[in-house]
Amino acid sequence: MIQEFDELIKSAVCEVFQTMLNMNMETKPFDTAIAANGESHVAGAVGFIGRLTGVVYIHASEPFARRITTTLLGLSPEEVQGQEMVNDAMGEMANMIVGHMKSRLADRGMPCVLTIPSVVRGTNFSIEAVSSTKGSLHMFSCREQYLFVEFLMKPTKAEA
C-alpha cells in the first residue's frame, strides 16, 4: 500500500502544480541537508479518514511558499503582505493535492473524507509518527526551489 500511495503523491503533486501554478515539479531523492537547512518553512497539512486514515504534509521554504502564493493568486510579490495569505495558499495547495489523491482512492474502492487544512510554520521542525503508522518522505524541485511531502497513514482494523 505504501508504494501505491507514493505513486499517488507523485502524480498529485506534479498534476496540481502544473495545472494550478504552471510549475513543472521534478521528483528528487530525499535529501535531509536540503530539508533541514535552517530556513523558515511553511507546512500545509490535510488528513484523510476512511478505510485508510492518515495525513499528508506539504512544506516549503518561506520564499518558495511566497512564490507559490503569488502564482496561485496572480499577485505581485509586493501584494503578498504578512503570513495569512501564504498560510491560506499552502493550506489550499495541501487540500488540492490530497483531494486529487482522494479521487484516485475512491476510484479504487477506498473512499475517504478530508479534514480541514492546517498550517504550521517554523525552522528545523520534523514530523514524527507514532509507531503504528507507516509513511514516506518525498522531495520535489522546481527551479532550485524544493517542496517536501510527507504522508503518514494508519490502516483501520479491517486493513491491518
Protein backbone atom coordinates (compact mmCIF):
# COMPACT_ATOMS: atom_id res chain seq x y z
CA MET A 1 0.00 0.00 0.00
CA ILE A 2 2.88 2.43 0.70
CA GLN A 3 4.20 2.09 -2.84
CA GLU A 4 0.72 2.78 -4.22
CA PHE A 5 0.47 5.89 -2.03
CA ASP A 6 3.93 7.02 -3.17
CA GLU A 7 2.73 6.94 -6.77
CA LEU A 8 -0.49 8.78 -5.85
CA ILE A 9 1.54 11.52 -4.16
CA LYS A 10 3.94 11.94 -7.08
CA SER A 11 1.07 12.12 -9.54
CA ALA A 12 -0.96 14.52 -7.40
CA VAL A 13 1.90 16.94 -6.72
CA CYS A 14 3.01 17.06 -10.35
CA GLU A 15 -0.51 17.44 -11.72
CA VAL A 16 -1.70 20.06 -9.21
CA PHE A 17 1.44 22.18 -9.53
CA GLN A 18 1.30 22.01 -13.33
CA THR A 19 -2.43 22.75 -13.55
CA MET A 20 -2.73 25.41 -10.86
CA LEU A 21 0.70 27.06 -10.98
CA ASN A 22 2.18 26.12 -14.35
CA MET A 23 5.17 24.73 -12.43
CA ASN A 24 6.90 21.56 -13.55
CA MET A 25 7.81 19.66 -10.41
CA GLU A 26 10.54 17.05 -10.63
CA THR A 27 10.85 14.23 -8.13
CA LYS A 28 14.20 14.14 -6.36
CA PRO A 29 15.77 11.73 -3.89
CA PHE A 30 15.03 12.99 -0.38
CA ASP A 31 17.96 15.00 0.96
CA THR A 32 18.00 15.74 4.69
CA ALA A 33 20.59 18.50 4.25
CA ILE A 34 18.26 20.41 1.93
CA ALA A 35 15.21 19.77 4.12
CA ALA A 36 16.89 20.80 7.38
CA ASN A 37 18.84 23.83 6.21
CA GLY A 38 17.63 26.16 8.96
CA GLU A 39 15.30 28.18 6.72
CA SER A 40 11.84 29.05 7.92
CA HIS A 41 9.31 26.66 6.39
CA VAL A 42 5.56 26.75 5.90
CA ALA A 43 3.73 23.41 6.08
CA GLY A 44 0.17 22.71 5.00
CA ALA A 45 -1.50 19.53 6.23
CA VAL A 46 -4.72 17.73 5.32
CA GLY A 47 -5.89 14.47 6.83
CA PHE A 48 -7.99 11.73 5.31
CA ILE A 49 -10.35 9.31 7.06
CA GLY A 50 -11.82 6.11 5.62
CA ARG A 51 -10.59 2.55 5.17
CA LEU A 52 -7.20 4.22 5.44
CA THR A 53 -6.62 7.07 7.86
CA GLY A 54 -3.71 9.45 7.70
CA VAL A 55 -2.35 12.87 6.93
CA VAL A 56 -0.32 14.48 4.15
CA TYR A 57 2.04 17.36 4.90
CA ILE A 58 3.49 19.60 2.23
CA HIS A 59 6.14 22.09 3.21
CA ALA A 60 8.41 24.55 1.51
CA SER A 61 10.79 27.31 2.48
CA GLU A 62 9.16 30.65 3.23
CA PRO A 63 10.43 32.16 -0.08
CA PHE A 64 9.09 29.24 -2.14
CA ALA A 65 5.79 29.32 -0.22
CA ARG A 66 5.52 33.03 -1.09
CA ARG A 67 6.24 32.24 -4.76
CA ILE A 68 3.54 29.57 -4.69
CA THR A 69 1.17 32.14 -3.16
CA THR A 70 1.86 34.87 -5.72
CA THR A 71 1.46 32.43 -8.60
CA LEU A 72 -1.70 30.80 -7.23
CA LEU A 73 -3.36 34.15 -6.52
CA GLY A 74 -1.98 36.01 -9.55
CA LEU A 75 -0.40 38.70 -7.38
CA SER A 76 2.91 40.51 -7.39
CA PRO A 77 5.30 39.76 -4.51
CA GLU A 78 4.60 43.22 -3.08
CA GLU A 79 0.88 42.43 -2.84
CA VAL A 80 1.50 39.47 -0.50
CA GLN A 81 1.94 41.02 2.90
CA GLY A 82 2.10 39.18 6.19
CA GLN A 83 1.67 35.47 6.72
CA GLU A 84 -2.08 34.95 6.33
CA MET A 85 -2.17 34.80 2.53
CA VAL A 86 0.81 32.42 2.45
CA ASN A 87 -0.80 30.22 5.11
CA ASP A 88 -4.06 30.10 3.15
CA ALA A 89 -2.27 29.27 -0.11
CA MET A 90 -0.21 26.46 1.44
CA GLY A 91 -3.31 25.04 3.13
CA GLU A 92 -5.16 25.18 -0.18
CA MET A 93 -2.30 23.50 -2.05
CA ALA A 94 -2.31 20.69 0.51
CA ASN A 95 -6.09 20.45 0.12
CA MET A 96 -5.83 20.19 -3.67
CA ILE A 97 -3.09 17.56 -3.54
CA VAL A 98 -4.94 15.40 -1.02
CA GLY A 99 -8.20 15.99 -2.90
CA HIS A 100 -6.54 14.62 -6.04
CA MET A 101 -5.43 11.57 -4.04
CA LYS A 102 -8.92 11.18 -2.55
CA SER A 103 -10.41 10.99 -6.03
CA ARG A 104 -7.95 8.27 -7.08
CA LEU A 105 -8.57 6.32 -3.86
CA ALA A 106 -12.33 6.46 -4.46
CA ASP A 107 -11.74 5.10 -7.98
CA ARG A 108 -10.01 2.14 -6.29
CA GLY A 109 -12.89 1.44 -3.91
CA MET A 110 -11.35 3.25 -0.93
CA PRO A 111 -13.49 6.34 -0.36
CA CYS A 112 -12.46 8.77 2.34
CA VAL A 113 -13.27 12.21 3.70
CA LEU A 114 -10.79 15.03 4.20
CA THR A 115 -10.09 17.17 7.23
CA ILE A 116 -9.83 20.92 7.04
CA PRO A 117 -6.35 22.18 6.15
CA SER A 118 -4.00 23.32 8.88
CA VAL A 119 -0.72 25.21 8.64
CA VAL A 120 2.46 25.09 10.72
CA ARG A 121 5.42 27.44 10.43
CA GLY A 122 8.90 27.14 11.82
CA THR A 123 12.54 26.25 11.39
CA ASN A 124 14.16 22.87 11.91
CA PHE A 125 10.89 21.13 12.70
CA SER A 126 10.28 17.49 11.99
CA ILE A 127 7.18 15.37 11.69
CA GLU A 128 7.29 12.29 13.86
CA ALA A 129 4.82 9.47 13.64
CA VAL A 130 3.56 7.15 16.31
CA SER A 131 4.86 3.62 15.94
CA SER A 132 1.69 2.17 14.43
CA THR A 133 1.78 4.43 11.36
CA LYS A 134 3.52 3.94 8.05
CA GLY A 135 4.57 6.54 5.55
CA SER A 136 7.23 8.07 3.39
CA LEU A 137 9.03 11.30 2.53
CA HIS A 138 9.21 12.86 -0.91
CA MET A 139 11.14 15.77 -2.31
CA PHE A 140 10.27 17.73 -5.45
CA SER A 141 12.03 20.65 -7.08
CA CYS A 142 11.20 23.45 -9.45
CA ARG A 143 13.97 25.85 -10.43
CA GLU A 144 16.13 25.10 -7.39
CA GLN A 145 13.18 25.51 -5.01
CA TYR A 146 12.11 22.47 -3.01
CA LEU A 147 8.82 21.06 -1.86
CA PHE A 148 8.72 18.30 0.71
CA VAL A 149 5.79 15.95 1.06
CA GLU A 150 5.35 13.51 3.89
CA PHE A 151 2.47 11.17 4.32
CA LEU A 152 1.56 9.08 7.30
CA MET A 153 -1.19 6.50 7.35
CA LYS A 154 -2.67 4.02 9.70
CA PRO A 155 -4.81 1.22 8.29
CA THR A 156 -8.11 0.65 10.02
CA LYS A 157 -8.56 -2.72 11.72
CA ALA A 158 -10.14 -4.11 8.56
CA GLU A 159 -6.95 -3.23 6.59
CA ALA A 160 -4.34 -4.22 9.21
